[in-house]
Amino acid sequence: MVLDVTAKDSNGNELFKAEKKYFEIGVDTDRDMRYGAWQIKEIIDLTLPPMQTQKEQFLLNFDSDTEEVTIDVKLWYYINGKSGHVVHSVSETLEYEID
């Protein structure tokens, strides 16, 4: 699974982009099995636990003259690494007053 976060200004210019990847326990990014203790720990640290919610925070800094930002968040599920489907998406527009 991949969590994709993007922030754009009112003109469509990209201000921020980040992603976080989650993997199946016991499978690395190349879809190979891993058995070393340090490798298993690495995989578990990057794994989304089943039937649980994982909260993520991203710190977004914008220029002081930014009046409006649209933040798009998409959660992708990849079956084979290349074919992905969006399983959840949220889009929110934040408006700021500039004094």
N, C-alpha and C. Protein backbone atom coordinates (compact mmCIF):
# COMPACT_ATOMS: atom_id res chain seq x y z
N MET A 1 0.84 -1.16 0.00
CA MET A 1 0.00 0.00 0.00
C MET A 1 0.89 1.23 0.00
N VAL A 2 0.40 2.28 -0.63
CA VAL A 2 1.15 3.53 -0.69
C VAL A 2 0.21 4.66 -0.29
N LEU A 3 0.63 5.49 0.67
CA LEU A 3 -0.09 6.69 1.06
C LEU A 3 0.57 7.85 0.34
N ASP A 4 -0.19 8.56 -0.48
CA ASP A 4 0.33 9.64 -1.32
C ASP A 4 -0.31 10.95 -0.88
N VAL A 5 0.51 11.96 -0.49
CA VAL A 5 0.02 13.25 -0.03
C VAL A 5 0.59 14.33 -0.94
N THR A 6 -0.31 15.18 -1.49
CA THR A 6 0.10 16.26 -2.38
C THR A 6 -0.61 17.54 -1.99
N ALA A 7 0.12 18.67 -1.99
CA ALA A 7 -0.47 19.98 -1.72
C ALA A 7 -0.18 20.88 -2.91
N LYS A 8 -1.24 21.56 -3.39
CA LYS A 8 -1.11 22.48 -4.53
C LYS A 8 -1.75 23.81 -4.18
N ASP A 9 -1.18 24.89 -4.75
CA ASP A 9 -1.77 26.21 -4.54
C ASP A 9 -2.94 26.41 -5.49
N SER A 10 -3.55 27.59 -5.45
CA SER A 10 -4.74 27.86 -6.26
C SER A 10 -4.44 27.87 -7.76
N ASN A 11 -3.17 28.03 -8.14
CA ASN A 11 -2.79 28.00 -9.56
C ASN A 11 -2.41 26.60 -10.03
N GLY A 12 -2.46 25.62 -9.14
CA GLY A 12 -2.12 24.25 -9.51
C GLY A 12 -0.64 23.91 -9.35
N ASN A 13 0.14 24.84 -8.80
CA ASN A 13 1.57 24.58 -8.58
C ASN A 13 1.74 23.66 -7.38
N GLU A 14 2.56 22.64 -7.53
CA GLU A 14 2.79 21.68 -6.46
C GLU A 14 3.71 22.28 -5.40
N LEU A 15 3.21 22.33 -4.15
CA LEU A 15 3.98 22.90 -3.05
C LEU A 15 4.60 21.82 -2.17
N PHE A 16 4.00 20.64 -2.15
CA PHE A 16 4.46 19.57 -1.27
C PHE A 16 4.04 18.23 -1.85
N LYS A 17 4.91 17.23 -1.73
CA LYS A 17 4.58 15.88 -2.16
C LYS A 17 5.36 14.91 -1.29
N ALA A 18 4.64 13.90 -0.77
CA ALA A 18 5.30 12.88 0.05
C ALA A 18 4.52 11.58 -0.11
N GLU A 19 5.20 10.48 0.14
CA GLU A 19 4.53 9.19 0.13
C GLU A 19 5.14 8.29 1.19
N LYS A 20 4.34 7.38 1.67
CA LYS A 20 4.78 6.39 2.65
C LYS A 20 4.34 5.03 2.12
N LYS A 21 5.26 4.05 2.11
CA LYS A 21 4.97 2.73 1.59
C LYS A 21 4.86 1.73 2.73
N TYR A 22 3.91 0.81 2.59
CA TYR A 22 3.72 -0.28 3.54
C TYR A 22 3.85 -1.59 2.78
N PHE A 23 4.48 -2.61 3.41
CA PHE A 23 4.76 -3.88 2.75
C PHE A 23 4.16 -5.03 3.55
N GLU A 24 4.01 -6.17 2.88
CA GLU A 24 3.57 -7.39 3.55
C GLU A 24 4.71 -7.91 4.42
N ILE A 25 4.37 -8.50 5.57
CA ILE A 25 5.40 -9.07 6.43
C ILE A 25 6.07 -10.23 5.70
N GLY A 26 7.41 -10.25 5.71
CA GLY A 26 8.16 -11.33 5.11
C GLY A 26 8.49 -11.14 3.65
N VAL A 27 8.05 -10.03 3.03
CA VAL A 27 8.32 -9.79 1.61
C VAL A 27 8.99 -8.44 1.48
N ASP A 28 10.10 -8.37 0.73
CA ASP A 28 10.78 -7.09 0.56
C ASP A 28 10.22 -6.34 -0.64
N THR A 29 10.83 -5.21 -0.95
CA THR A 29 10.33 -4.37 -2.05
C THR A 29 10.45 -5.04 -3.41
N ASP A 30 11.32 -6.05 -3.52
CA ASP A 30 11.45 -6.78 -4.79
C ASP A 30 10.59 -8.04 -4.80
N ARG A 31 9.71 -8.18 -3.80
CA ARG A 31 8.79 -9.32 -3.67
C ARG A 31 9.53 -10.62 -3.34
N ASP A 32 10.74 -10.52 -2.77
CA ASP A 32 11.51 -11.69 -2.36
C ASP A 32 11.34 -11.90 -0.86
N MET A 33 11.40 -13.16 -0.44
CA MET A 33 11.30 -13.48 0.98
C MET A 33 12.60 -13.07 1.68
N ARG A 34 12.47 -12.60 2.92
CA ARG A 34 13.63 -12.23 3.73
C ARG A 34 13.56 -13.00 5.03
N TYR A 35 14.71 -13.47 5.52
CA TYR A 35 14.72 -14.26 6.73
C TYR A 35 15.67 -13.74 7.79
N GLY A 36 16.60 -12.83 7.49
CA GLY A 36 17.53 -12.31 8.48
C GLY A 36 16.79 -11.52 9.55
N ALA A 37 17.26 -11.59 10.80
CA ALA A 37 16.58 -10.93 11.92
C ALA A 37 16.46 -9.43 11.68
N TRP A 38 17.52 -8.78 11.25
CA TRP A 38 17.47 -7.34 11.01
C TRP A 38 16.55 -7.02 9.84
N GLN A 39 16.49 -7.91 8.84
CA GLN A 39 15.60 -7.70 7.71
C GLN A 39 14.13 -7.85 8.12
N ILE A 40 13.84 -8.83 8.97
CA ILE A 40 12.46 -9.02 9.43
C ILE A 40 12.02 -7.81 10.24
N LYS A 41 12.90 -7.28 11.10
CA LYS A 41 12.56 -6.08 11.86
C LYS A 41 12.28 -4.91 10.94
N GLU A 42 13.09 -4.74 9.91
CA GLU A 42 12.89 -3.65 8.95
C GLU A 42 11.53 -3.78 8.27
N ILE A 43 11.18 -4.98 7.88
CA ILE A 43 9.89 -5.22 7.21
C ILE A 43 8.74 -4.95 8.16
N ILE A 44 8.84 -5.40 9.41
CA ILE A 44 7.77 -5.18 10.39
C ILE A 44 7.59 -3.69 10.66
N ASP A 45 8.67 -2.93 10.69
CA ASP A 45 8.59 -1.49 10.90
C ASP A 45 7.84 -0.79 9.77
N LEU A 46 7.88 -1.34 8.57
CA LEU A 46 7.23 -0.74 7.41
C LEU A 46 5.88 -1.39 7.08
N THR A 47 5.38 -2.25 7.95
CA THR A 47 4.17 -3.00 7.66
C THR A 47 2.96 -2.36 8.32
N LEU A 48 1.87 -2.31 7.58
CA LEU A 48 0.61 -1.83 8.12
C LEU A 48 -0.08 -3.00 8.81
N PRO A 49 -0.29 -2.94 10.13
CA PRO A 49 -0.89 -4.07 10.84
C PRO A 49 -2.32 -4.34 10.36
N PRO A 50 -2.72 -5.60 10.24
CA PRO A 50 -4.07 -5.92 9.78
C PRO A 50 -5.12 -5.47 10.80
N MET A 51 -6.24 -4.98 10.28
CA MET A 51 -7.39 -4.57 11.09
C MET A 51 -7.06 -3.47 12.09
N GLN A 52 -6.04 -2.67 11.82
CA GLN A 52 -5.69 -1.56 12.69
C GLN A 52 -5.53 -0.29 11.86
N THR A 53 -5.69 0.84 12.51
CA THR A 53 -5.52 2.13 11.87
C THR A 53 -4.12 2.64 12.14
N GLN A 54 -3.47 3.14 11.12
CA GLN A 54 -2.14 3.73 11.26
C GLN A 54 -2.28 5.23 10.97
N LYS A 55 -1.88 6.07 11.91
CA LYS A 55 -1.96 7.52 11.71
C LYS A 55 -0.59 8.02 11.27
N GLU A 56 -0.60 8.90 10.29
CA GLU A 56 0.62 9.51 9.78
C GLU A 56 0.49 11.02 9.86
N GLN A 57 1.59 11.70 10.12
CA GLN A 57 1.61 13.15 10.14
C GLN A 57 2.68 13.65 9.19
N PHE A 58 2.35 14.70 8.46
CA PHE A 58 3.29 15.34 7.55
C PHE A 58 3.31 16.82 7.90
N LEU A 59 4.48 17.40 8.02
CA LEU A 59 4.62 18.82 8.30
C LEU A 59 4.74 19.56 6.98
N LEU A 60 3.77 20.43 6.70
CA LEU A 60 3.74 21.18 5.46
C LEU A 60 3.99 22.65 5.76
N ASN A 61 5.01 23.22 5.15
CA ASN A 61 5.31 24.64 5.30
C ASN A 61 5.06 25.34 3.98
N PHE A 62 4.37 26.47 4.04
CA PHE A 62 4.07 27.23 2.83
C PHE A 62 4.61 28.65 2.98
N ASP A 63 4.82 29.32 1.85
CA ASP A 63 5.24 30.72 1.87
C ASP A 63 4.19 31.56 2.57
N SER A 64 4.60 32.68 3.15
CA SER A 64 3.69 33.53 3.90
C SER A 64 2.63 34.19 3.02
N ASP A 65 2.85 34.24 1.71
CA ASP A 65 1.85 34.85 0.82
C ASP A 65 0.88 33.83 0.22
N THR A 66 0.90 32.59 0.68
CA THR A 66 0.00 31.56 0.18
C THR A 66 -1.38 31.76 0.80
N GLU A 67 -2.39 31.95 -0.05
CA GLU A 67 -3.75 32.19 0.43
C GLU A 67 -4.61 30.95 0.44
N GLU A 68 -4.33 30.00 -0.46
CA GLU A 68 -5.18 28.82 -0.58
C GLU A 68 -4.34 27.61 -0.97
N VAL A 69 -4.60 26.48 -0.31
CA VAL A 69 -3.87 25.24 -0.58
C VAL A 69 -4.88 24.11 -0.64
N THR A 70 -4.77 23.27 -1.67
CA THR A 70 -5.59 22.07 -1.77
C THR A 70 -4.72 20.87 -1.47
N ILE A 71 -5.13 20.09 -0.47
CA ILE A 71 -4.37 18.91 -0.05
C ILE A 71 -5.13 17.67 -0.49
N ASP A 72 -4.47 16.83 -1.26
CA ASP A 72 -5.04 15.58 -1.75
C ASP A 72 -4.30 14.43 -1.09
N VAL A 73 -5.06 13.48 -0.55
CA VAL A 73 -4.48 12.29 0.07
C VAL A 73 -5.12 11.08 -0.58
N LYS A 74 -4.29 10.16 -1.06
CA LYS A 74 -4.78 8.93 -1.70
C LYS A 74 -4.07 7.73 -1.09
N LEU A 75 -4.83 6.68 -0.86
CA LEU A 75 -4.28 5.43 -0.39
C LEU A 75 -4.41 4.42 -1.53
N TRP A 76 -3.26 3.98 -2.04
CA TRP A 76 -3.22 3.05 -3.17
C TRP A 76 -2.95 1.64 -2.67
N TYR A 77 -3.60 0.67 -3.31
CA TYR A 77 -3.33 -0.74 -3.03
C TYR A 77 -2.75 -1.35 -4.30
N TYR A 78 -1.55 -1.90 -4.19
CA TYR A 78 -0.87 -2.51 -5.33
C TYR A 78 -0.88 -4.02 -5.17
N ILE A 79 -1.47 -4.70 -6.15
CA ILE A 79 -1.54 -6.16 -6.10
C ILE A 79 -0.22 -6.77 -6.52
N ASN A 80 0.37 -6.29 -7.62
CA ASN A 80 1.60 -6.90 -8.12
C ASN A 80 2.74 -5.91 -8.27
N GLY A 81 2.62 -4.74 -7.71
CA GLY A 81 3.70 -3.76 -7.79
C GLY A 81 3.53 -2.75 -8.90
N LYS A 82 2.81 -3.08 -9.95
CA LYS A 82 2.62 -2.15 -11.06
C LYS A 82 1.16 -1.74 -11.22
N SER A 83 0.25 -2.62 -10.91
CA SER A 83 -1.17 -2.35 -11.07
C SER A 83 -1.76 -1.90 -9.74
N GLY A 84 -2.04 -0.60 -9.61
CA GLY A 84 -2.55 -0.07 -8.36
C GLY A 84 -3.96 0.48 -8.50
N HIS A 85 -4.68 0.47 -7.38
CA HIS A 85 -6.04 1.00 -7.34
C HIS A 85 -6.17 1.89 -6.11
N VAL A 86 -6.86 3.02 -6.26
CA VAL A 86 -7.10 3.91 -5.13
C VAL A 86 -8.22 3.30 -4.29
N VAL A 87 -7.93 3.03 -3.01
CA VAL A 87 -8.95 2.45 -2.13
C VAL A 87 -9.58 3.52 -1.23
N HIS A 88 -8.91 4.66 -1.10
CA HIS A 88 -9.49 5.76 -0.32
C HIS A 88 -8.81 7.06 -0.75
N SER A 89 -9.59 8.13 -0.87
CA SER A 89 -9.01 9.42 -1.20
C SER A 89 -9.78 10.53 -0.49
N VAL A 90 -9.05 11.58 -0.13
CA VAL A 90 -9.62 12.74 0.54
C VAL A 90 -8.98 13.97 -0.07
N SER A 91 -9.78 15.00 -0.32
CA SER A 91 -9.26 16.26 -0.83
C SER A 91 -9.89 17.39 0.00
N GLU A 92 -9.04 18.30 0.46
CA GLU A 92 -9.53 19.40 1.27
C GLU A 92 -8.79 20.68 0.89
N THR A 93 -9.55 21.78 0.81
CA THR A 93 -8.97 23.08 0.48
C THR A 93 -8.90 23.92 1.75
N LEU A 94 -7.71 24.44 2.03
CA LEU A 94 -7.50 25.31 3.19
C LEU A 94 -7.28 26.73 2.69
N GLU A 95 -7.98 27.69 3.32
CA GLU A 95 -7.84 29.09 2.93
C GLU A 95 -7.24 29.87 4.10
N TYR A 96 -6.31 30.75 3.78
CA TYR A 96 -5.62 31.57 4.79
C TYR A 96 -5.87 33.04 4.51
N GLU A 97 -5.99 33.83 5.57
CA GLU A 97 -6.09 35.28 5.42
C GLU A 97 -4.70 35.87 5.61
N ILE A 98 -4.33 36.73 4.69
CA ILE A 98 -3.03 37.38 4.78
C ILE A 98 -3.25 38.80 5.26
N ASP A 99 -2.59 39.15 6.36
CA ASP A 99 -2.73 40.51 6.93
C ASP A 99 -1.69 41.42 6.39
